[in-house]
N, C-alpha and C. Protein backbone atom coordinates (compact mmCIF):
# COMPACT_ATOMS: atom_id res chain seq x y z
N UNK A 1 107.69 110.97 72.00
CA UNK A 1 107.43 111.52 73.38
C UNK A 1 108.13 110.69 74.22
N UNK A 2 108.95 111.45 75.12
CA UNK A 2 109.79 110.59 76.19
C UNK A 2 108.93 110.53 77.31
N UNK A 3 108.90 109.18 77.75
CA UNK A 3 107.82 108.73 78.73
C UNK A 3 108.53 108.90 80.14
N UNK A 4 109.86 109.37 80.18
CA UNK A 4 110.46 109.63 81.46
C UNK A 4 110.36 110.96 82.04
N UNK A 5 109.60 111.71 81.19
CA UNK A 5 109.07 113.22 81.78
C UNK A 5 108.30 113.05 83.09
N UNK A 6 108.41 113.77 84.04
CA UNK A 6 107.72 113.87 85.27
C UNK A 6 106.15 114.12 85.08
N UNK A 7 105.91 115.02 83.94
CA UNK A 7 104.48 115.29 83.70
C UNK A 7 103.91 114.51 82.72
N UNK A 8 104.39 113.12 82.53
CA UNK A 8 103.71 112.25 81.63
C UNK A 8 102.71 111.58 82.34
N UNK A 9 101.37 111.83 81.77
CA UNK A 9 100.24 111.02 82.60
C UNK A 9 100.40 109.72 82.80
N UNK A 10 101.10 108.83 82.05
CA UNK A 10 101.13 107.47 82.28
C UNK A 10 101.89 107.24 83.57
N UNK A 11 102.93 107.99 83.74
CA UNK A 11 103.77 107.74 85.06
C UNK A 11 102.66 108.31 86.28
N UNK A 12 101.89 109.27 86.00
CA UNK A 12 101.10 109.97 87.14
C UNK A 12 100.01 108.73 87.37
N UNK A 13 99.47 108.28 86.27
CA UNK A 13 98.46 107.20 86.52
C UNK A 13 98.95 105.79 87.31
N UNK A 14 100.09 105.49 86.69
CA UNK A 14 100.83 104.16 87.46
C UNK A 14 101.08 104.54 88.92
N UNK A 15 101.49 105.75 89.28
CA UNK A 15 101.97 106.20 90.61
C UNK A 15 100.39 106.20 91.39
N UNK A 16 99.34 106.74 90.88
CA UNK A 16 97.93 106.72 91.34
C UNK A 16 97.45 105.39 91.67
N UNK A 17 97.54 104.62 90.75
CA UNK A 17 97.37 103.09 90.81
C UNK A 17 98.00 102.43 91.86
N UNK A 18 99.21 102.56 92.02
CA UNK A 18 100.16 102.01 92.96
C UNK A 18 99.63 102.43 94.45
N UNK A 19 99.52 103.68 94.73
CA UNK A 19 99.08 104.37 95.75
C UNK A 19 97.72 103.91 96.16
N UNK A 20 96.79 103.69 95.32
CA UNK A 20 95.53 103.33 95.56
C UNK A 20 95.48 101.79 96.11
N UNK A 21 96.44 100.93 95.36
CA UNK A 21 96.31 99.56 95.77
C UNK A 21 97.09 99.58 97.15
N UNK A 22 98.00 100.12 97.46
CA UNK A 22 98.69 100.18 98.63
C UNK A 22 97.67 100.67 99.90
N UNK A 23 97.00 101.67 99.55
CA UNK A 23 95.82 102.09 100.50
C UNK A 23 94.86 101.04 100.71
N UNK A 24 94.27 100.32 99.73
CA UNK A 24 93.39 99.33 99.85
C UNK A 24 93.88 98.25 100.53
N UNK A 25 95.22 97.75 100.48
CA UNK A 25 95.84 96.72 101.22
C UNK A 25 96.01 96.97 102.71
N UNK A 26 96.44 98.29 102.94
CA UNK A 26 96.36 98.82 104.35
C UNK A 26 94.95 98.56 104.93
N UNK A 27 93.91 99.27 104.30
CA UNK A 27 92.74 99.09 104.77
C UNK A 27 92.04 97.69 105.18
N UNK A 28 92.29 96.87 104.16
CA UNK A 28 91.88 95.47 104.22
C UNK A 28 92.59 94.78 105.42
N UNK A 29 93.82 95.13 105.64
CA UNK A 29 94.54 94.51 106.65
C UNK A 29 94.05 94.94 108.04
N UNK A 30 93.85 96.09 108.21
CA UNK A 30 93.38 96.76 109.32
C UNK A 30 91.90 96.45 109.81
N UNK A 31 91.03 96.29 108.69
CA UNK A 31 89.67 95.91 108.95
C UNK A 31 89.64 94.16 109.20
N UNK A 32 90.62 93.46 108.70
CA UNK A 32 90.59 92.26 108.97
C UNK A 32 91.04 92.05 110.82
N UNK A 33 91.91 92.82 110.99
CA UNK A 33 92.26 92.90 112.52
C UNK A 33 91.23 93.12 113.30
N UNK A 34 90.46 94.16 112.99
CA UNK A 34 89.20 94.49 113.67
C UNK A 34 88.18 93.63 113.76
N UNK A 35 87.87 92.89 112.70
CA UNK A 35 86.97 91.92 112.62
C UNK A 35 87.28 90.67 113.36
N UNK A 36 88.50 90.36 113.34
CA UNK A 36 89.07 89.22 114.26
C UNK A 36 88.75 89.41 115.72
N UNK A 37 89.18 90.91 116.02
CA UNK A 37 88.98 91.15 117.49
C UNK A 37 87.65 91.29 118.02
N UNK A 38 86.75 91.96 117.16
CA UNK A 38 85.49 92.33 117.50
C UNK A 38 84.47 91.07 117.39
N UNK A 39 84.58 90.27 116.26
CA UNK A 39 83.65 89.16 115.93
C UNK A 39 84.21 87.95 116.62
N UNK A 40 85.49 87.81 116.22
CA UNK A 40 86.17 86.64 116.75
C UNK A 40 86.29 86.54 118.13
N UNK A 41 86.86 87.54 118.81
CA UNK A 41 87.24 87.38 120.26
C UNK A 41 86.00 87.79 121.10
N UNK A 42 85.16 88.74 120.56
CA UNK A 42 83.97 89.04 121.25
C UNK A 42 82.70 88.28 121.09
N UNK A 43 82.63 87.47 120.14
CA UNK A 43 81.42 86.61 119.95
C UNK A 43 81.83 85.27 119.80
N UNK A 44 82.73 84.84 118.77
CA UNK A 44 82.99 83.41 118.56
C UNK A 44 83.77 82.64 119.74
N UNK A 45 84.81 83.50 120.17
CA UNK A 45 85.86 82.75 121.26
C UNK A 45 85.45 83.20 122.71
N UNK A 46 84.18 83.92 122.80
CA UNK A 46 84.01 84.48 124.13
C UNK A 46 84.02 83.46 125.18
N UNK A 47 83.45 82.37 125.08
CA UNK A 47 83.59 81.31 126.22
C UNK A 47 84.91 80.62 126.43
N UNK A 48 85.65 80.80 125.37
CA UNK A 48 87.15 80.26 125.53
C UNK A 48 87.91 81.39 126.34
N UNK A 49 87.75 82.60 125.88
CA UNK A 49 88.40 83.68 126.55
C UNK A 49 87.91 83.92 127.93
N UNK A 50 86.75 83.56 128.20
CA UNK A 50 86.15 83.98 129.55
C UNK A 50 86.91 83.01 130.62
N UNK A 51 87.51 81.91 130.25
CA UNK A 51 88.37 81.07 131.18
C UNK A 51 89.49 81.90 131.66
N UNK A 52 89.75 82.97 131.02
CA UNK A 52 90.91 83.66 131.34
C UNK A 52 90.31 85.00 132.03
N UNK A 53 90.98 85.36 133.16
CA UNK A 53 90.66 86.53 133.92
C UNK A 53 91.76 87.53 134.11
N UNK A 54 91.61 88.58 133.94
CA UNK A 54 92.58 89.59 134.08
C UNK A 54 92.04 90.81 134.92
N UNK A 55 92.70 90.92 136.07
CA UNK A 55 92.25 91.98 136.92
C UNK A 55 90.70 91.80 137.38
N UNK A 56 90.37 90.44 137.57
CA UNK A 56 88.92 90.29 137.92
C UNK A 56 87.83 90.35 136.81
N UNK A 57 88.39 90.46 135.48
CA UNK A 57 87.38 90.65 134.51
C UNK A 57 87.80 89.51 133.40
N UNK A 58 86.61 88.85 133.15
CA UNK A 58 86.92 87.85 132.22
C UNK A 58 87.16 88.39 130.67
N UNK A 59 88.20 87.78 130.15
CA UNK A 59 88.83 88.39 128.94
C UNK A 59 87.91 88.31 127.91
N UNK A 60 86.86 87.38 127.49
CA UNK A 60 85.96 87.46 126.55
C UNK A 60 85.08 88.62 126.67
N UNK A 61 84.40 88.79 127.99
CA UNK A 61 83.62 89.88 128.25
C UNK A 61 84.31 91.19 128.10
N UNK A 62 85.56 91.31 128.38
CA UNK A 62 86.27 92.49 128.05
C UNK A 62 86.30 92.75 126.66
N UNK A 63 86.57 91.90 125.81
CA UNK A 63 86.66 92.13 124.32
C UNK A 63 85.29 92.49 123.81
N UNK A 64 84.26 91.71 124.38
CA UNK A 64 82.86 91.99 123.78
C UNK A 64 82.40 93.59 124.09
N UNK A 65 82.66 93.95 125.29
CA UNK A 65 82.44 95.24 125.82
C UNK A 65 83.08 96.39 125.51
N UNK A 66 84.36 96.34 125.51
CA UNK A 66 85.48 97.47 125.67
C UNK A 66 86.75 97.21 124.57
N UNK A 67 87.04 95.87 124.54
CA UNK A 67 88.30 95.66 123.95
C UNK A 67 88.37 95.97 122.64
N UNK A 68 87.12 95.52 121.85
CA UNK A 68 87.25 95.94 120.35
C UNK A 68 87.10 97.34 120.22
N UNK A 69 86.55 98.14 120.93
CA UNK A 69 86.51 99.60 120.79
C UNK A 69 87.85 100.08 121.06
N UNK A 70 88.66 99.67 121.90
CA UNK A 70 90.14 100.03 122.20
C UNK A 70 90.97 99.82 121.01
N UNK A 71 90.86 98.52 120.37
CA UNK A 71 91.53 98.02 119.22
C UNK A 71 91.10 99.06 118.07
N UNK A 72 89.92 99.25 117.99
CA UNK A 72 89.47 100.03 116.97
C UNK A 72 90.07 101.52 116.90
N UNK A 73 90.17 102.13 118.09
CA UNK A 73 90.89 103.43 118.23
C UNK A 73 92.28 103.19 118.08
N UNK A 74 93.02 102.34 118.53
CA UNK A 74 94.36 102.07 118.17
C UNK A 74 94.57 101.90 116.53
N UNK A 75 93.62 101.30 115.93
CA UNK A 75 93.82 100.97 114.56
C UNK A 75 93.68 102.29 113.78
N UNK A 76 92.86 103.35 114.38
CA UNK A 76 92.81 104.55 113.71
C UNK A 76 94.08 105.18 113.72
N UNK A 77 94.83 105.14 114.81
CA UNK A 77 96.19 105.91 114.97
C UNK A 77 97.12 105.06 114.11
N UNK A 78 96.97 103.84 113.82
CA UNK A 78 98.12 103.09 113.13
C UNK A 78 97.74 103.51 111.41
N UNK A 79 96.38 103.57 111.26
CA UNK A 79 95.99 104.02 109.84
C UNK A 79 96.59 105.26 109.58
N UNK A 80 96.51 106.21 110.44
CA UNK A 80 96.99 107.57 110.37
C UNK A 80 98.45 107.61 110.05
N UNK A 81 99.24 106.85 110.92
CA UNK A 81 100.69 106.81 110.97
C UNK A 81 100.93 106.12 109.42
N UNK A 82 100.39 105.13 109.08
CA UNK A 82 100.69 104.44 107.85
C UNK A 82 100.35 105.25 106.64
N UNK A 83 99.37 105.74 106.69
CA UNK A 83 99.01 106.63 105.64
C UNK A 83 99.92 107.89 105.40
N UNK A 84 100.38 108.37 106.51
CA UNK A 84 101.42 109.46 106.39
C UNK A 84 102.70 109.06 105.57
N UNK A 85 103.14 107.79 106.16
CA UNK A 85 104.32 107.17 105.67
C UNK A 85 103.91 106.87 103.96
N UNK A 86 102.84 106.47 103.69
CA UNK A 86 102.41 105.98 102.33
C UNK A 86 102.46 107.32 101.41
N UNK A 87 101.84 108.41 101.89
CA UNK A 87 101.72 109.81 101.45
C UNK A 87 103.24 110.34 100.89
N UNK A 88 103.98 110.15 101.84
CA UNK A 88 105.34 110.58 101.67
C UNK A 88 106.30 109.67 100.50
N UNK A 89 105.74 108.30 100.56
CA UNK A 89 106.44 107.51 99.67
C UNK A 89 105.98 107.80 98.19
N UNK A 90 104.55 108.07 98.20
CA UNK A 90 104.06 108.33 96.74
C UNK A 90 104.07 109.82 96.38
N UNK A 91 104.75 110.61 97.24
CA UNK A 91 104.82 112.16 97.02
C UNK A 91 103.52 112.84 97.04
N UNK A 92 102.68 112.46 97.76
CA UNK A 92 101.13 113.18 97.69
C UNK A 92 100.96 113.60 99.11
N UNK A 93 102.01 113.88 99.95
CA UNK A 93 101.92 114.42 101.23
C UNK A 93 101.67 116.05 101.16
N UNK A 94 101.05 116.47 102.35
CA UNK A 94 100.56 117.96 102.23
C UNK A 94 101.65 118.76 102.81
N UNK A 95 102.70 118.32 103.58
CA UNK A 95 103.69 119.22 104.09
C UNK A 95 104.69 119.45 103.13
């Protein structure tokens, strides 16, 4: 049996495993960023960041109230863009 054939299940499984690992890595990185911004900036470092004021708003208060949400929404778009690239790389895209 020639393992270089495109319909070889070992190649498909290896491709699927690599795709899944890349997906989990991306999710882990993005969730880590969100955790640092929401928990780190909004709770742990709020007093330090409150010493910085931008536009009359204390930076720690901003991250605790709105900044983490803005970052989360931005991360959704980053995830969408990166997953589209990953889908094309592993040839599982829909277009």
